[in-house]
Amino acid sequence: MSQQRFEQAMGRMRGGDVQTRDRAFDFLREHADAYVEELIAEFASEEDAELRCLLLELLAETRAEQALDVFRGQLESTDETLRFWAIRGLEMLDTRESEQALRQARANGWLV
């Protein structure tokens, strides 16, 4: 997938039209595994809370180990939706490291 298509989809995700945003999200969900690094970078620099949640959801869909640190970093988030997608992302990774992160979060009282 091209960088240009990714940038176009991200531009549409930031637009005000709900249908356009939904179509861009669907495109990115279908191709998320091709854009893991880009999604991580967008998540790190994004300030809009709703868009951050969507980006974390997309990262969870990738099941990419590169996103492990992103998920771990959101386990303590005050935003419940970010925590949900961080947990879901770690569960979907289903690796020794992701299971360890979930166990540690439970031990620290971050998760029930």
C-alpha atoms as a PDB file:
ATOM      1  CA  MET A   1       0.000   0.000   0.000  1.00  0.00           C
ATOM      2  CA  SER A   2       1.214   3.454  -0.735  1.00  0.00           C
ATOM      3  CA  GLN A   3       2.047   6.181   1.745  1.00  0.00           C
ATOM      4  CA  GLN A   4      -0.181   8.506  -0.244  1.00  0.00           C
ATOM      5  CA  ARG A   5      -3.239   6.285   0.305  1.00  0.00           C
ATOM      6  CA  PHE A   6      -2.480   6.150   4.015  1.00  0.00           C
ATOM      7  CA  GLU A   7      -2.184   9.930   4.225  1.00  0.00           C
ATOM      8  CA  GLN A   8      -5.428  10.381   2.279  1.00  0.00           C
ATOM      9  CA  ALA A   9      -7.234   8.000   4.618  1.00  0.00           C
ATOM     10  CA  MET A  10      -5.864   9.804   7.677  1.00  0.00           C
ATOM     11  CA  GLY A  11      -6.967  13.134   6.211  1.00  0.00           C
ATOM     12  CA  ARG A  12     -10.454  11.736   5.759  1.00  0.00           C
ATOM     13  CA  MET A  13     -10.440  10.375   9.306  1.00  0.00           C
ATOM     14  CA  ARG A  14      -9.820  13.917  10.533  1.00  0.00           C
ATOM     15  CA  GLY A  15     -12.634  15.329   8.403  1.00  0.00           C
ATOM     16  CA  GLY A  16     -15.977  16.324   9.814  1.00  0.00           C
ATOM     17  CA  ASP A  17     -18.161  14.103   7.623  1.00  0.00           C
ATOM     18  CA  VAL A  18     -19.088  10.949   9.538  1.00  0.00           C
ATOM     19  CA  GLN A  19     -19.598   8.806   6.432  1.00  0.00           C
ATOM     20  CA  THR A  20     -16.238   9.823   4.986  1.00  0.00           C
ATOM     21  CA  ARG A  21     -14.555   9.125   8.309  1.00  0.00           C
ATOM     22  CA  ASP A  22     -16.209   5.710   8.517  1.00  0.00           C
ATOM     23  CA  ARG A  23     -15.127   4.778   4.994  1.00  0.00           C
ATOM     24  CA  ALA A  24     -11.555   5.866   5.725  1.00  0.00           C
ATOM     25  CA  PHE A  25     -11.582   3.828   8.932  1.00  0.00           C
ATOM     26  CA  ASP A  26     -12.873   0.784   7.041  1.00  0.00           C
ATOM     27  CA  PHE A  27     -10.127   1.186   4.433  1.00  0.00           C
ATOM     28  CA  LEU A  28      -7.475   1.421   7.138  1.00  0.00           C
ATOM     29  CA  ARG A  29      -8.920  -1.559   9.001  1.00  0.00           C
ATOM     30  CA  GLU A  30      -8.685  -3.668   5.843  1.00  0.00           C
ATOM     31  CA  HIS A  31      -5.080  -2.611   5.280  1.00  0.00           C
ATOM     32  CA  ALA A  32      -3.908  -1.897   8.842  1.00  0.00           C
ATOM     33  CA  ASP A  33      -1.250  -4.606   8.794  1.00  0.00           C
ATOM     34  CA  ALA A  34       0.473  -2.777   5.915  1.00  0.00           C
ATOM     35  CA  TYR A  35       0.585   0.469   7.923  1.00  0.00           C
ATOM     36  CA  VAL A  36       1.660  -0.596  11.414  1.00  0.00           C
ATOM     37  CA  GLU A  37       4.564   1.847  11.740  1.00  0.00           C
ATOM     38  CA  GLU A  38       2.492   4.689  10.311  1.00  0.00           C
ATOM     39  CA  LEU A  39      -0.377   3.954  12.713  1.00  0.00           C
ATOM     40  CA  ILE A  40       2.027   3.911  15.655  1.00  0.00           C
ATOM     41  CA  ALA A  41       3.471   7.267  14.590  1.00  0.00           C
ATOM     42  CA  GLU A  42       0.011   8.780  14.099  1.00  0.00           C
ATOM     43  CA  PHE A  43      -1.111   7.522  17.502  1.00  0.00           C
ATOM     44  CA  ALA A  44       1.951   9.023  19.181  1.00  0.00           C
ATOM     45  CA  SER A  45       1.384  12.456  17.671  1.00  0.00           C
ATOM     46  CA  GLU A  46      -2.432  12.591  17.712  1.00  0.00           C
ATOM     47  CA  GLU A  47      -4.139  14.832  20.267  1.00  0.00           C
ATOM     48  CA  ASP A  48      -7.787  14.182  19.395  1.00  0.00           C
ATOM     49  CA  ALA A  49      -9.098  11.644  21.943  1.00  0.00           C
ATOM     50  CA  GLU A  50     -11.628  10.041  19.600  1.00  0.00           C
ATOM     51  CA  LEU A  51      -9.108   9.608  16.802  1.00  0.00           C
ATOM     52  CA  ARG A  52      -6.537   8.173  19.239  1.00  0.00           C
ATOM     53  CA  CYS A  53      -9.082   5.506  20.200  1.00  0.00           C
ATOM     54  CA  LEU A  54      -9.717   4.653  16.552  1.00  0.00           C
ATOM     55  CA  LEU A  55      -5.988   4.433  15.876  1.00  0.00           C
ATOM     56  CA  LEU A  56      -5.492   2.126  18.855  1.00  0.00           C
ATOM     57  CA  GLU A  57      -8.363  -0.034  17.607  1.00  0.00           C
ATOM     58  CA  LEU A  58      -6.681  -0.247  14.203  1.00  0.00           C
ATOM     59  CA  LEU A  59      -3.399  -1.209  15.849  1.00  0.00           C
ATOM     60  CA  ALA A  60      -5.175  -3.937  17.804  1.00  0.00           C
ATOM     61  CA  GLU A  61      -6.556  -5.294  14.536  1.00  0.00           C
ATOM     62  CA  THR A  62      -3.035  -5.658  13.145  1.00  0.00           C
ATOM     63  CA  ARG A  63      -1.933  -8.103  15.843  1.00  0.00           C
ATOM     64  CA  ALA A  64       1.546  -6.646  15.262  1.00  0.00           C
ATOM     65  CA  GLU A  65       4.199  -7.111  17.924  1.00  0.00           C
ATOM     66  CA  GLN A  66       5.569  -3.654  17.042  1.00  0.00           C
ATOM     67  CA  ALA A  67       2.514  -2.216  18.830  1.00  0.00           C
ATOM     68  CA  LEU A  68       3.281  -3.968  22.137  1.00  0.00           C
ATOM     69  CA  ASP A  69       4.812  -0.871  23.745  1.00  0.00           C
ATOM     70  CA  VAL A  70       1.911   1.293  22.565  1.00  0.00           C
ATOM     71  CA  PHE A  71      -0.577  -1.056  24.221  1.00  0.00           C
ATOM     72  CA  ARG A  72       1.486  -1.293  27.404  1.00  0.00           C
ATOM     73  CA  GLY A  73       1.678   2.479  27.547  1.00  0.00           C
ATOM     74  CA  GLN A  74      -2.102   2.830  27.492  1.00  0.00           C
ATOM     75  CA  LEU A  75      -2.872   0.374  30.288  1.00  0.00           C
ATOM     76  CA  GLU A  76      -2.669   3.231  32.825  1.00  0.00           C
ATOM     77  CA  SER A  77      -4.606   5.697  30.678  1.00  0.00           C
ATOM     78  CA  THR A  78      -7.356   7.679  32.354  1.00  0.00           C
ATOM     79  CA  ASP A  79      -9.362   7.217  29.146  1.00  0.00           C
ATOM     80  CA  GLU A  80     -11.406   4.042  29.565  1.00  0.00           C
ATOM     81  CA  THR A  81     -11.695   3.480  25.805  1.00  0.00           C
ATOM     82  CA  LEU A  82      -7.932   3.673  25.331  1.00  0.00           C
ATOM     83  CA  ARG A  83      -7.480   1.186  28.173  1.00  0.00           C
ATOM     84  CA  PHE A  84     -10.063  -1.113  26.572  1.00  0.00           C
ATOM     85  CA  TRP A  85      -8.259  -1.119  23.201  1.00  0.00           C
ATOM     86  CA  ALA A  86      -4.884  -1.532  24.897  1.00  0.00           C
ATOM     87  CA  ILE A  87      -6.160  -4.615  26.699  1.00  0.00           C
ATOM     88  CA  ARG A  88      -7.826  -5.902  23.550  1.00  0.00           C
ATOM     89  CA  GLY A  89      -4.630  -5.304  21.567  1.00  0.00           C
ATOM     90  CA  LEU A  90      -2.567  -7.229  24.108  1.00  0.00           C
ATOM     91  CA  GLU A  91      -5.086 -10.067  24.114  1.00  0.00           C
ATOM     92  CA  MET A  92      -5.071 -10.210  20.324  1.00  0.00           C
ATOM     93  CA  LEU A  93      -1.270 -10.270  20.241  1.00  0.00           C
ATOM     94  CA  ASP A  94      -1.385 -13.444  22.312  1.00  0.00           C
ATOM     95  CA  THR A  95       2.376 -13.523  22.939  1.00  0.00           C
ATOM     96  CA  ARG A  96       4.356 -14.239  26.074  1.00  0.00           C
ATOM     97  CA  GLU A  97       5.184 -10.530  26.340  1.00  0.00           C
ATOM     98  CA  SER A  98       1.580  -9.401  25.936  1.00  0.00           C
ATOM     99  CA  GLU A  99       0.359 -11.919  28.520  1.00  0.00           C
ATOM    100  CA  GLN A 100       3.080 -10.728  30.893  1.00  0.00           C
ATOM    101  CA  ALA A 101       1.986  -7.104  30.402  1.00  0.00           C
ATOM    102  CA  LEU A 102      -1.612  -8.046  31.221  1.00  0.00           C
ATOM    103  CA  ARG A 103      -0.553 -10.017  34.316  1.00  0.00           C
ATOM    104  CA  GLN A 104       1.567  -7.100  35.505  1.00  0.00           C
ATOM    105  CA  ALA A 105      -1.285  -4.640  34.953  1.00  0.00           C
ATOM    106  CA  ARG A 106      -3.597  -6.845  37.018  1.00  0.00           C
ATOM    107  CA  ALA A 107      -0.979  -7.153  39.764  1.00  0.00           C
ATOM    108  CA  ASN A 108      -0.594  -3.359  39.834  1.00  0.00           C
ATOM    109  CA  GLY A 109      -4.355  -2.920  40.123  1.00  0.00           C
ATOM    110  CA  TRP A 110      -4.779  -1.280  36.718  1.00  0.00           C
ATOM    111  CA  LEU A 111      -7.099  -4.048  35.550  1.00  0.00           C
ATOM    112  CA  VAL A 112      -9.776  -6.013  37.325  1.00  0.00           C
END
